[in-house]
C-alpha atoms as a PDB file:
ATOM      1  CA  MET A   1      88.759 -12.544 101.138  1.00  0.00           C
ATOM      2  CA  SER A   2      86.782 -15.505  99.803  1.00  0.00           C
ATOM      3  CA  ALA A   3      83.545 -16.484 101.455  1.00  0.00           C
ATOM      4  CA  ALA A   4      83.630 -19.715 103.437  1.00  0.00           C
ATOM      5  CA  PRO A   5      80.679 -22.093 103.116  1.00  0.00           C
ATOM      6  CA  ALA A   6      78.380 -21.914 106.131  1.00  0.00           C
ATOM      7  CA  ASP A   7      78.613 -25.627 106.951  1.00  0.00           C
ATOM      8  CA  LEU A   8      82.295 -25.891 107.839  1.00  0.00           C
ATOM      9  CA  TYR A   9      83.883 -27.201 111.007  1.00  0.00           C
ATOM     10  CA  TYR A  10      87.194 -25.599 112.072  1.00  0.00           C
ATOM     11  CA  SER A  11      90.174 -26.746 114.121  1.00  0.00           C
ATOM     12  CA  ALA A  12      92.460 -24.541 116.194  1.00  0.00           C
ATOM     13  CA  ALA A  13      95.197 -25.521 113.693  1.00  0.00           C
ATOM     14  CA  HIS A  14      93.367 -23.471 110.993  1.00  0.00           C
ATOM     15  CA  VAL A  15      92.047 -26.460 109.080  1.00  0.00           C
ATOM     16  CA  TRP A  16      88.450 -26.730 107.890  1.00  0.00           C
ATOM     17  CA  LEU A  17      86.295 -29.807 107.368  1.00  0.00           C
ATOM     18  CA  GLN A  18      83.120 -29.963 105.293  1.00  0.00           C
ATOM     19  CA  LEU A  19      80.906 -33.038 105.508  1.00  0.00           C
ATOM     20  CA  GLU A  20      79.960 -34.240 102.038  1.00  0.00           C
ATOM     21  CA  ASP A  21      77.951 -37.269 103.056  1.00  0.00           C
ATOM     22  CA  ASN A  22      77.485 -39.323 106.181  1.00  0.00           C
ATOM     23  CA  ASN A  23      81.099 -40.428 106.581  1.00  0.00           C
ATOM     24  CA  VAL A  24      83.186 -38.453 104.064  1.00  0.00           C
ATOM     25  CA  GLY A  25      84.546 -34.954 104.525  1.00  0.00           C
ATOM     26  CA  ARG A  26      86.623 -32.541 102.480  1.00  0.00           C
ATOM     27  CA  VAL A  27      89.578 -30.880 104.243  1.00  0.00           C
ATOM     28  CA  GLY A  28      91.573 -27.717 103.549  1.00  0.00           C
ATOM     29  CA  VAL A  29      93.320 -24.804 105.215  1.00  0.00           C
ATOM     30  CA  THR A  30      91.410 -21.664 106.104  1.00  0.00           C
ATOM     31  CA  GLU A  31      91.549 -18.226 104.531  1.00  0.00           C
ATOM     32  CA  PHE A  32      93.299 -17.015 107.701  1.00  0.00           C
ATOM     33  CA  ALA A  33      95.976 -19.726 107.370  1.00  0.00           C
ATOM     34  CA  GLN A  34      96.675 -19.145 103.684  1.00  0.00           C
ATOM     35  CA  GLU A  35      97.011 -15.389 104.275  1.00  0.00           C
ATOM     36  CA  ALA A  36      99.506 -16.016 107.091  1.00  0.00           C
ATOM     37  CA  LEU A  37     101.473 -18.450 104.917  1.00  0.00           C
ATOM     38  CA  GLY A  38     101.750 -16.203 101.888  1.00  0.00           C
ATOM     39  CA  ASP A  39     102.177 -17.585  98.386  1.00  0.00           C
ATOM     40  CA  VAL A  40     101.948 -21.385  98.501  1.00  0.00           C
ATOM     41  CA  VAL A  41     104.562 -23.081  96.305  1.00  0.00           C
ATOM     42  CA  PHE A  42     104.388 -26.790  97.242  1.00  0.00           C
ATOM     43  CA  LEU A  43     102.273 -29.323  99.135  1.00  0.00           C
ATOM     44  CA  GLN A  44     103.232 -32.665 100.552  1.00  0.00           C
ATOM     45  CA  LEU A  45      99.969 -34.567 100.220  1.00  0.00           C
ATOM     46  CA  PRO A  46      99.085 -37.602 102.356  1.00  0.00           C
ATOM     47  CA  GLU A  47      99.055 -41.144 100.971  1.00  0.00           C
ATOM     48  CA  LEU A  48      95.769 -42.674  99.882  1.00  0.00           C
ATOM     49  CA  GLY A  49      94.550 -45.251 102.373  1.00  0.00           C
ATOM     50  CA  GLN A  50      96.586 -43.749 105.209  1.00  0.00           C
ATOM     51  CA  VAL A  51      94.684 -43.529 108.504  1.00  0.00           C
ATOM     52  CA  VAL A  52      95.595 -40.403 110.463  1.00  0.00           C
ATOM     53  CA  GLY A  53      94.499 -39.574 113.995  1.00  0.00           C
ATOM     54  CA  ALA A  54      92.875 -36.306 115.027  1.00  0.00           C
ATOM     55  CA  GLY A  55      95.550 -33.664 115.559  1.00  0.00           C
ATOM     56  CA  ALA A  56      98.268 -35.675 113.798  1.00  0.00           C
ATOM     57  CA  GLU A  57     100.222 -34.391 110.804  1.00  0.00           C
ATOM     58  CA  ALA A  58      98.576 -35.294 107.495  1.00  0.00           C
ATOM     59  CA  GLY A  59     100.737 -33.237 105.135  1.00  0.00           C
ATOM     60  CA  VAL A  60     102.826 -30.115 104.703  1.00  0.00           C
ATOM     61  CA  VAL A  61     102.171 -26.840 102.930  1.00  0.00           C
ATOM     62  CA  GLU A  62     105.198 -24.798 101.868  1.00  0.00           C
ATOM     63  CA  SER A  63     105.081 -21.131 100.995  1.00  0.00           C
ATOM     64  CA  VAL A  64     107.593 -18.455 100.102  1.00  0.00           C
ATOM     65  CA  LYS A  65     107.652 -17.569 103.824  1.00  0.00           C
ATOM     66  CA  SER A  66     107.687 -20.940 105.605  1.00  0.00           C
ATOM     67  CA  ALA A  67     106.525 -24.531 105.795  1.00  0.00           C
ATOM     68  CA  SER A  68     103.622 -25.573 107.971  1.00  0.00           C
ATOM     69  CA  ASP A  69     102.137 -28.921 108.913  1.00  0.00           C
ATOM     70  CA  ILE A  70      98.559 -29.720 107.962  1.00  0.00           C
ATOM     71  CA  PHE A  71      96.943 -31.296 111.012  1.00  0.00           C
ATOM     72  CA  MET A  72      94.051 -33.733 110.733  1.00  0.00           C
ATOM     73  CA  PRO A  73      90.829 -32.223 112.127  1.00  0.00           C
ATOM     74  CA  VAL A  74      89.365 -35.643 113.058  1.00  0.00           C
ATOM     75  CA  THR A  75      90.548 -39.241 112.789  1.00  0.00           C
ATOM     76  CA  GLY A  76      90.062 -40.614 109.309  1.00  0.00           C
ATOM     77  CA  GLU A  77      91.305 -42.499 106.279  1.00  0.00           C
ATOM     78  CA  ILE A  78      92.598 -40.516 103.294  1.00  0.00           C
ATOM     79  CA  VAL A  79      90.311 -41.480 100.390  1.00  0.00           C
ATOM     80  CA  GLU A  80      91.269 -38.796  97.850  1.00  0.00           C
ATOM     81  CA  VAL A  81      93.837 -36.032  97.394  1.00  0.00           C
ATOM     82  CA  ASN A  82      93.422 -32.914  95.268  1.00  0.00           C
ATOM     83  CA  GLU A  83      95.754 -33.818  92.392  1.00  0.00           C
ATOM     84  CA  ALA A  84      95.447 -30.286  90.945  1.00  0.00           C
ATOM     85  CA  LEU A  85      97.544 -29.007  93.868  1.00  0.00           C
ATOM     86  CA  ARG A  86     100.586 -30.955  92.627  1.00  0.00           C
ATOM     87  CA  THR A  87     100.917 -28.607  89.641  1.00  0.00           C
ATOM     88  CA  THR A  88      98.906 -25.602  90.879  1.00  0.00           C
ATOM     89  CA  PRO A  89      99.567 -25.262  94.643  1.00  0.00           C
ATOM     90  CA  GLU A  90      98.543 -21.587  94.515  1.00  0.00           C
ATOM     91  CA  LEU A  91      94.896 -22.762  94.458  1.00  0.00           C
ATOM     92  CA  ILE A  92      95.298 -22.787  98.256  1.00  0.00           C
ATOM     93  CA  ASN A  93      95.658 -18.984  98.062  1.00  0.00           C
ATOM     94  CA  SER A  94      93.136 -18.181  95.365  1.00  0.00           C
ATOM     95  CA  SER A  95      90.375 -20.615  96.358  1.00  0.00           C
ATOM     96  CA  PRO A  96      90.945 -22.080  99.851  1.00  0.00           C
ATOM     97  CA  TYR A  97      87.342 -23.282 100.284  1.00  0.00           C
ATOM     98  CA  ASP A  98      86.634 -24.479  96.753  1.00  0.00           C
ATOM     99  CA  LYS A  99      89.360 -25.477  94.292  1.00  0.00           C
ATOM    100  CA  GLY A 100      92.056 -25.406  96.997  1.00  0.00           C
ATOM    101  CA  TRP A 101      90.701 -28.274  99.122  1.00  0.00           C
ATOM    102  CA  ILE A 102      93.546 -30.636 100.039  1.00  0.00           C
ATOM    103  CA  PHE A 103      92.115 -34.103 100.682  1.00  0.00           C
ATOM    104  CA  ARG A 104      88.984 -36.091 101.440  1.00  0.00           C
ATOM    105  CA  ILE A 105      88.707 -38.425 104.416  1.00  0.00           C
ATOM    106  CA  ARG A 106      86.435 -41.207 105.526  1.00  0.00           C
ATOM    107  CA  ILE A 107      85.710 -40.103 109.081  1.00  0.00           C
ATOM    108  CA  GLY A 108      86.568 -42.733 111.658  1.00  0.00           C
ATOM    109  CA  ASN A 109      84.863 -41.183 114.690  1.00  0.00           C
ATOM    110  CA  LYS A 110      82.051 -38.713 114.064  1.00  0.00           C
ATOM    111  CA  GLY A 111      82.021 -37.939 117.793  1.00  0.00           C
ATOM    112  CA  GLU A 112      85.245 -35.970 117.251  1.00  0.00           C
ATOM    113  CA  LEU A 113      83.279 -33.386 115.228  1.00  0.00           C
ATOM    114  CA  SER A 114      81.974 -32.004 118.534  1.00  0.00           C
ATOM    115  CA  GLU A 115      85.551 -30.964 119.401  1.00  0.00           C
ATOM    116  CA  LEU A 116      85.756 -28.671 116.352  1.00  0.00           C
ATOM    117  CA  MET A 117      84.541 -25.055 116.144  1.00  0.00           C
ATOM    118  CA  ASP A 118      81.753 -23.417 114.207  1.00  0.00           C
ATOM    119  CA  ALA A 119      82.422 -20.246 112.185  1.00  0.00           C
ATOM    120  CA  GLY A 120      81.665 -17.879 115.093  1.00  0.00           C
ATOM    121  CA  LYS A 121      84.076 -19.559 117.479  1.00  0.00           C
ATOM    122  CA  TYR A 122      86.747 -19.797 114.795  1.00  0.00           C
ATOM    123  CA  LEU A 123      86.459 -16.089 113.944  1.00  0.00           C
ATOM    124  CA  ALA A 124      86.803 -15.280 117.645  1.00  0.00           C
ATOM    125  CA  LEU A 125      89.976 -17.403 117.767  1.00  0.00           C
ATOM    126  CA  CYS A 126      91.436 -15.566 114.770  1.00  0.00           C
ATOM    127  CA  SER A 127      90.688 -12.130 116.188  1.00  0.00           C
ATOM    128  CA  HIS A 128      93.030 -12.656 119.149  1.00  0.00           C
END
C-alpha cells in the first residue's frame, strides 16, 4: 500500500484532492478505490476547459473487473490532464497519489472543501 500525502481531502466517492496553490488542485482516485477496481486498463479523461460541478462525473476509469465513474470532489475547471495515463493507465494502480494523478482543476468554490473528509474520516469510511 502506498503512503498518501498528509494534506489530501477525500470524497465519499473515493477521490482525493490535493491543493497545489490557492486555487488549483490535483485529483486522483484513492488507494482503496484502485484496489477495488483491480488492474486499470483505460481512462476516459475530461476535456480541458470543461467546468464540472461537485459530485458530477468528470471521467471514467476502466479495469479488468469493471468501469467506474470518476466524480468531481469540488466544482472546478479542468486545467490539465495526466497525459501519461493515456499510454500507461496502470499508473493508477502503482502510484495512485503520485504518478497516477488524473487531472488538475481550478477550484470554483473553495467553500466546498469543507464538505470533503480528512484522512481519519476517510479511513473510517473505508473500514465499514
